[in-house]
Amino acid sequence: MPEQITITPNVRSTKNEMKKTHYLKTVQPYFEMVGNRLKPFEVRKNDRNFEEGDEVYLQEYDPKAKTYSGHQIRCEILYVLKDFPAIKKDYVVFGIKITQLIVVRSHT
């Protein structure tokens, strides 16, 4: 049975009122880039009305196998950029801060 390892840095939320939680499929190499803190933003269709202070779980997903690995990155949305000429209609770019890394190790 896989063992879940959780790493939680000491961070404080910037906005707590009425925050929503979003679970988002995230494929490689983007999942790893976020986890390595090289990509502190997401570009997404705004079908969920993303807002500052919302919690996001980026879930590593393999589209070929159509499976989740179990690895997740929990983030807080710091800033949402929308209705900007360079951003496609109905899309947003939001800045994120990692609040937790969730790694699943399998025992073999």
N, C-alpha and C. Protein backbone atom coordinates (compact mmCIF):
# COMPACT_ATOMS: atom_id res chain seq x y z
N MET A 1 0.85 -1.18 0.00
CA MET A 1 0.00 0.00 0.00
C MET A 1 0.89 1.24 0.00
N PRO A 2 0.57 2.26 -0.85
CA PRO A 2 1.41 3.45 -0.92
C PRO A 2 1.37 4.24 0.38
N GLU A 3 2.51 4.84 0.69
CA GLU A 3 2.64 5.68 1.87
C GLU A 3 2.60 7.13 1.41
N GLN A 4 1.80 7.95 2.07
CA GLN A 4 1.70 9.36 1.72
C GLN A 4 2.61 10.17 2.63
N ILE A 5 3.46 10.99 2.01
CA ILE A 5 4.36 11.86 2.75
C ILE A 5 3.92 13.29 2.48
N THR A 6 3.73 14.05 3.52
CA THR A 6 3.27 15.42 3.39
C THR A 6 4.33 16.37 3.93
N ILE A 7 4.64 17.39 3.13
CA ILE A 7 5.59 18.42 3.53
C ILE A 7 4.82 19.73 3.57
N THR A 8 4.73 20.35 4.73
CA THR A 8 3.99 21.59 4.89
C THR A 8 4.91 22.69 5.38
N PRO A 9 5.23 23.67 4.51
CA PRO A 9 6.05 24.78 4.98
C PRO A 9 5.24 25.66 5.93
N ASN A 10 5.93 26.45 6.73
CA ASN A 10 5.28 27.35 7.67
C ASN A 10 4.83 28.60 6.91
N VAL A 11 3.56 28.59 6.44
CA VAL A 11 3.02 29.72 5.70
C VAL A 11 1.69 30.13 6.31
N ARG A 12 1.36 31.39 6.10
CA ARG A 12 0.10 31.92 6.60
C ARG A 12 -0.75 32.36 5.42
N SER A 13 -2.03 32.01 5.41
CA SER A 13 -2.93 32.39 4.35
C SER A 13 -3.13 33.89 4.33
N THR A 14 -3.23 34.47 3.13
CA THR A 14 -3.42 35.90 3.00
C THR A 14 -4.89 36.28 2.98
N LYS A 15 -5.78 35.33 2.71
CA LYS A 15 -7.19 35.63 2.63
C LYS A 15 -7.97 34.39 3.01
N ASN A 16 -8.80 34.47 4.02
CA ASN A 16 -9.51 33.28 4.50
C ASN A 16 -11.01 33.31 4.27
N GLU A 17 -11.61 34.48 4.08
CA GLU A 17 -13.05 34.54 3.97
C GLU A 17 -13.54 33.96 2.65
N MET A 18 -14.51 33.06 2.77
CA MET A 18 -15.20 32.48 1.61
C MET A 18 -14.29 31.88 0.54
N LYS A 19 -13.18 31.31 0.94
CA LYS A 19 -12.30 30.72 -0.08
C LYS A 19 -12.89 29.42 -0.58
N LYS A 20 -12.59 29.12 -1.84
CA LYS A 20 -13.04 27.88 -2.46
C LYS A 20 -11.83 26.96 -2.63
N THR A 21 -12.10 25.69 -2.78
CA THR A 21 -11.05 24.72 -3.05
C THR A 21 -11.28 24.15 -4.43
N HIS A 22 -10.21 24.13 -5.24
CA HIS A 22 -10.26 23.64 -6.62
C HIS A 22 -9.27 22.49 -6.77
N TYR A 23 -9.69 21.41 -7.44
CA TYR A 23 -8.82 20.28 -7.75
C TYR A 23 -8.59 20.29 -9.25
N LEU A 24 -7.31 20.42 -9.66
CA LEU A 24 -6.99 20.60 -11.07
C LEU A 24 -6.01 19.55 -11.57
N LYS A 25 -6.34 18.91 -12.69
CA LYS A 25 -5.40 18.01 -13.35
C LYS A 25 -4.20 18.83 -13.81
N THR A 26 -3.01 18.30 -13.59
CA THR A 26 -1.79 18.98 -14.03
C THR A 26 -0.84 17.94 -14.61
N VAL A 27 -0.44 18.15 -15.84
CA VAL A 27 0.41 17.19 -16.53
C VAL A 27 1.88 17.61 -16.42
N GLN A 28 2.75 16.67 -16.73
CA GLN A 28 4.19 16.95 -16.80
C GLN A 28 4.47 17.66 -18.12
N PRO A 29 5.41 18.56 -18.21
CA PRO A 29 6.40 18.91 -17.19
C PRO A 29 5.94 19.99 -16.21
N TYR A 30 4.70 20.48 -16.39
CA TYR A 30 4.24 21.62 -15.59
C TYR A 30 4.11 21.30 -14.11
N PHE A 31 3.68 20.08 -13.78
CA PHE A 31 3.56 19.69 -12.38
C PHE A 31 4.92 19.80 -11.68
N GLU A 32 5.94 19.25 -12.30
CA GLU A 32 7.29 19.28 -11.72
C GLU A 32 7.83 20.70 -11.63
N MET A 33 7.54 21.51 -12.63
CA MET A 33 8.03 22.90 -12.63
C MET A 33 7.41 23.70 -11.48
N VAL A 34 6.13 23.47 -11.20
CA VAL A 34 5.51 24.13 -10.05
C VAL A 34 6.14 23.62 -8.76
N GLY A 35 6.28 22.30 -8.63
CA GLY A 35 6.86 21.71 -7.42
C GLY A 35 8.27 22.17 -7.15
N ASN A 36 9.03 22.45 -8.20
CA ASN A 36 10.40 22.95 -8.06
C ASN A 36 10.45 24.47 -7.95
N ARG A 37 9.30 25.08 -7.87
CA ARG A 37 9.16 26.54 -7.72
C ARG A 37 9.72 27.33 -8.90
N LEU A 38 9.71 26.71 -10.08
CA LEU A 38 10.16 27.39 -11.29
C LEU A 38 8.98 28.05 -12.03
N LYS A 39 7.76 27.64 -11.69
CA LYS A 39 6.55 28.14 -12.35
C LYS A 39 5.53 28.52 -11.27
N PRO A 40 5.59 29.76 -10.78
CA PRO A 40 4.70 30.16 -9.69
C PRO A 40 3.36 30.73 -10.18
N PHE A 41 2.84 30.17 -11.26
CA PHE A 41 1.58 30.66 -11.82
C PHE A 41 0.90 29.52 -12.58
N GLU A 42 -0.38 29.71 -12.84
CA GLU A 42 -1.16 28.78 -13.66
C GLU A 42 -1.93 29.59 -14.68
N VAL A 43 -2.09 29.04 -15.87
CA VAL A 43 -2.95 29.60 -16.91
C VAL A 43 -4.10 28.62 -17.06
N ARG A 44 -5.31 29.08 -16.79
CA ARG A 44 -6.47 28.18 -16.78
C ARG A 44 -7.70 28.86 -17.35
N LYS A 45 -8.59 28.04 -17.89
CA LYS A 45 -9.91 28.52 -18.27
C LYS A 45 -10.61 28.91 -16.97
N ASN A 46 -11.25 30.05 -16.95
CA ASN A 46 -11.87 30.53 -15.72
C ASN A 46 -13.30 30.02 -15.58
N ASP A 47 -13.45 28.72 -15.67
CA ASP A 47 -14.78 28.11 -15.53
C ASP A 47 -15.15 27.86 -14.07
N ARG A 48 -14.28 28.25 -13.16
CA ARG A 48 -14.51 28.03 -11.72
C ARG A 48 -14.51 29.33 -10.93
N ASN A 49 -14.37 30.45 -11.63
CA ASN A 49 -14.31 31.76 -10.99
C ASN A 49 -13.21 31.81 -9.93
N PHE A 50 -11.97 31.56 -10.36
CA PHE A 50 -10.82 31.59 -9.46
C PHE A 50 -10.70 32.97 -8.81
N GLU A 51 -10.39 32.99 -7.51
CA GLU A 51 -10.25 34.25 -6.79
C GLU A 51 -9.05 34.20 -5.86
N GLU A 52 -8.53 35.36 -5.54
CA GLU A 52 -7.43 35.44 -4.58
C GLU A 52 -7.86 34.82 -3.26
N GLY A 53 -6.97 34.03 -2.67
CA GLY A 53 -7.25 33.35 -1.40
C GLY A 53 -7.80 31.95 -1.58
N ASP A 54 -8.25 31.60 -2.79
CA ASP A 54 -8.75 30.24 -3.02
C ASP A 54 -7.61 29.24 -2.87
N GLU A 55 -7.97 28.02 -2.52
CA GLU A 55 -7.01 26.92 -2.38
C GLU A 55 -7.09 26.06 -3.65
N VAL A 56 -5.92 25.67 -4.16
CA VAL A 56 -5.84 24.86 -5.37
C VAL A 56 -5.00 23.63 -5.08
N TYR A 57 -5.53 22.46 -5.44
CA TYR A 57 -4.76 21.22 -5.40
C TYR A 57 -4.40 20.86 -6.83
N LEU A 58 -3.13 21.00 -7.19
CA LEU A 58 -2.66 20.55 -8.50
C LEU A 58 -2.38 19.07 -8.36
N GLN A 59 -3.06 18.27 -9.16
CA GLN A 59 -2.95 16.82 -9.07
C GLN A 59 -2.23 16.29 -10.31
N GLU A 60 -1.10 15.61 -10.09
CA GLU A 60 -0.33 15.08 -11.22
C GLU A 60 -1.17 14.07 -11.98
N TYR A 61 -1.28 14.30 -13.30
CA TYR A 61 -2.14 13.48 -14.14
C TYR A 61 -1.39 13.04 -15.39
N ASP A 62 -1.56 11.78 -15.76
CA ASP A 62 -0.97 11.22 -16.97
C ASP A 62 -2.08 11.07 -18.00
N PRO A 63 -2.14 11.93 -19.02
CA PRO A 63 -3.24 11.87 -19.98
C PRO A 63 -3.22 10.62 -20.86
N LYS A 64 -2.05 10.04 -21.08
CA LYS A 64 -1.98 8.82 -21.90
C LYS A 64 -2.59 7.64 -21.16
N ALA A 65 -2.23 7.50 -19.89
CA ALA A 65 -2.76 6.40 -19.07
C ALA A 65 -4.11 6.75 -18.46
N LYS A 66 -4.46 8.03 -18.51
CA LYS A 66 -5.70 8.53 -17.90
C LYS A 66 -5.78 8.19 -16.41
N THR A 67 -4.64 8.43 -15.72
CA THR A 67 -4.57 8.13 -14.29
C THR A 67 -3.88 9.26 -13.54
N TYR A 68 -4.19 9.33 -12.25
CA TYR A 68 -3.53 10.25 -11.34
C TYR A 68 -2.43 9.48 -10.62
N SER A 69 -1.30 10.15 -10.35
CA SER A 69 -0.19 9.50 -9.63
C SER A 69 -0.43 9.49 -8.12
N GLY A 70 -1.26 10.40 -7.64
CA GLY A 70 -1.46 10.57 -6.21
C GLY A 70 -0.66 11.74 -5.66
N HIS A 71 0.34 12.21 -6.42
CA HIS A 71 1.12 13.38 -6.00
C HIS A 71 0.27 14.63 -6.20
N GLN A 72 0.34 15.52 -5.21
CA GLN A 72 -0.42 16.76 -5.28
C GLN A 72 0.41 17.92 -4.75
N ILE A 73 0.09 19.10 -5.24
CA ILE A 73 0.69 20.32 -4.72
C ILE A 73 -0.47 21.22 -4.31
N ARG A 74 -0.52 21.51 -3.02
CA ARG A 74 -1.57 22.42 -2.53
C ARG A 74 -1.01 23.84 -2.57
N CYS A 75 -1.80 24.75 -3.13
CA CYS A 75 -1.37 26.13 -3.30
C CYS A 75 -2.47 27.09 -2.88
N GLU A 76 -2.06 28.31 -2.61
CA GLU A 76 -3.00 29.40 -2.40
C GLU A 76 -2.86 30.35 -3.58
N ILE A 77 -3.99 30.82 -4.10
CA ILE A 77 -3.97 31.81 -5.17
C ILE A 77 -3.69 33.17 -4.57
N LEU A 78 -2.61 33.80 -5.04
CA LEU A 78 -2.20 35.11 -4.53
C LEU A 78 -2.75 36.26 -5.36
N TYR A 79 -2.88 36.06 -6.66
CA TYR A 79 -3.29 37.13 -7.56
C TYR A 79 -3.94 36.51 -8.79
N VAL A 80 -5.00 37.13 -9.29
CA VAL A 80 -5.67 36.65 -10.49
C VAL A 80 -5.66 37.77 -11.54
N LEU A 81 -5.10 37.46 -12.71
CA LEU A 81 -5.08 38.40 -13.83
C LEU A 81 -6.10 37.92 -14.85
N LYS A 82 -7.09 38.77 -15.14
CA LYS A 82 -8.13 38.42 -16.11
C LYS A 82 -8.51 39.67 -16.89
N ASP A 83 -9.26 39.48 -17.94
CA ASP A 83 -9.70 40.59 -18.78
C ASP A 83 -8.54 41.48 -19.21
N PHE A 84 -7.46 40.84 -19.62
CA PHE A 84 -6.25 41.52 -20.08
C PHE A 84 -6.10 41.21 -21.56
N PRO A 85 -5.74 42.18 -22.39
CA PRO A 85 -5.70 41.96 -23.84
C PRO A 85 -4.86 40.75 -24.29
N ALA A 86 -3.79 40.42 -23.58
CA ALA A 86 -2.92 39.32 -24.00
C ALA A 86 -3.43 37.94 -23.54
N ILE A 87 -4.49 37.93 -22.76
CA ILE A 87 -5.04 36.67 -22.25
C ILE A 87 -6.30 36.32 -23.03
N LYS A 88 -6.36 35.09 -23.49
CA LYS A 88 -7.50 34.59 -24.25
C LYS A 88 -8.80 34.79 -23.46
N LYS A 89 -9.88 35.08 -24.17
CA LYS A 89 -11.18 35.29 -23.53
C LYS A 89 -11.55 34.09 -22.66
N ASP A 90 -12.08 34.35 -21.48
CA ASP A 90 -12.52 33.34 -20.51
C ASP A 90 -11.36 32.59 -19.84
N TYR A 91 -10.14 33.09 -19.98
CA TYR A 91 -8.98 32.48 -19.33
C TYR A 91 -8.41 33.45 -18.30
N VAL A 92 -7.65 32.90 -17.34
CA VAL A 92 -6.97 33.72 -16.34
C VAL A 92 -5.55 33.20 -16.15
N VAL A 93 -4.72 34.06 -15.61
CA VAL A 93 -3.39 33.68 -15.13
C VAL A 93 -3.42 33.99 -13.66
N PHE A 94 -3.13 32.98 -12.82
CA PHE A 94 -3.09 33.30 -11.40
C PHE A 94 -1.77 32.89 -10.78
N GLY A 95 -1.30 33.77 -9.89
CA GLY A 95 -0.07 33.53 -9.15
C GLY A 95 -0.37 32.63 -7.96
N ILE A 96 0.56 31.70 -7.67
CA ILE A 96 0.33 30.74 -6.59
C ILE A 96 1.50 30.70 -5.61
N LYS A 97 1.17 30.31 -4.40
CA LYS A 97 2.16 30.07 -3.36
C LYS A 97 1.93 28.64 -2.88
N ILE A 98 2.97 27.81 -2.92
CA ILE A 98 2.85 26.43 -2.45
C ILE A 98 2.68 26.43 -0.93
N THR A 99 1.67 25.70 -0.46
CA THR A 99 1.46 25.57 0.98
C THR A 99 1.69 24.14 1.45
N GLN A 100 1.72 23.18 0.50
CA GLN A 100 1.94 21.78 0.90
C GLN A 100 2.30 20.94 -0.33
N LEU A 101 3.27 20.05 -0.16
CA LEU A 101 3.59 19.05 -1.18
C LEU A 101 3.12 17.70 -0.64
N ILE A 102 2.37 16.98 -1.45
CA ILE A 102 1.88 15.66 -1.04
C ILE A 102 2.46 14.64 -2.01
N VAL A 103 3.32 13.78 -1.49
CA VAL A 103 4.04 12.80 -2.31
C VAL A 103 3.62 11.41 -1.87
N VAL A 104 3.29 10.56 -2.83
CA VAL A 104 2.92 9.20 -2.52
C VAL A 104 4.07 8.28 -2.95
N ARG A 105 4.57 7.51 -1.99
CA ARG A 105 5.64 6.55 -2.29
C ARG A 105 5.04 5.15 -2.24
N SER A 106 5.33 4.37 -3.25
CA SER A 106 4.84 2.98 -3.23
C SER A 106 5.92 2.09 -2.64
N HIS A 107 5.47 1.10 -1.90
CA HIS A 107 6.40 0.13 -1.30
C HIS A 107 6.47 -1.07 -2.25
N THR A 108 7.67 -1.34 -2.73
CA THR A 108 7.84 -2.49 -3.63
C THR A 108 8.82 -3.46 -3.07
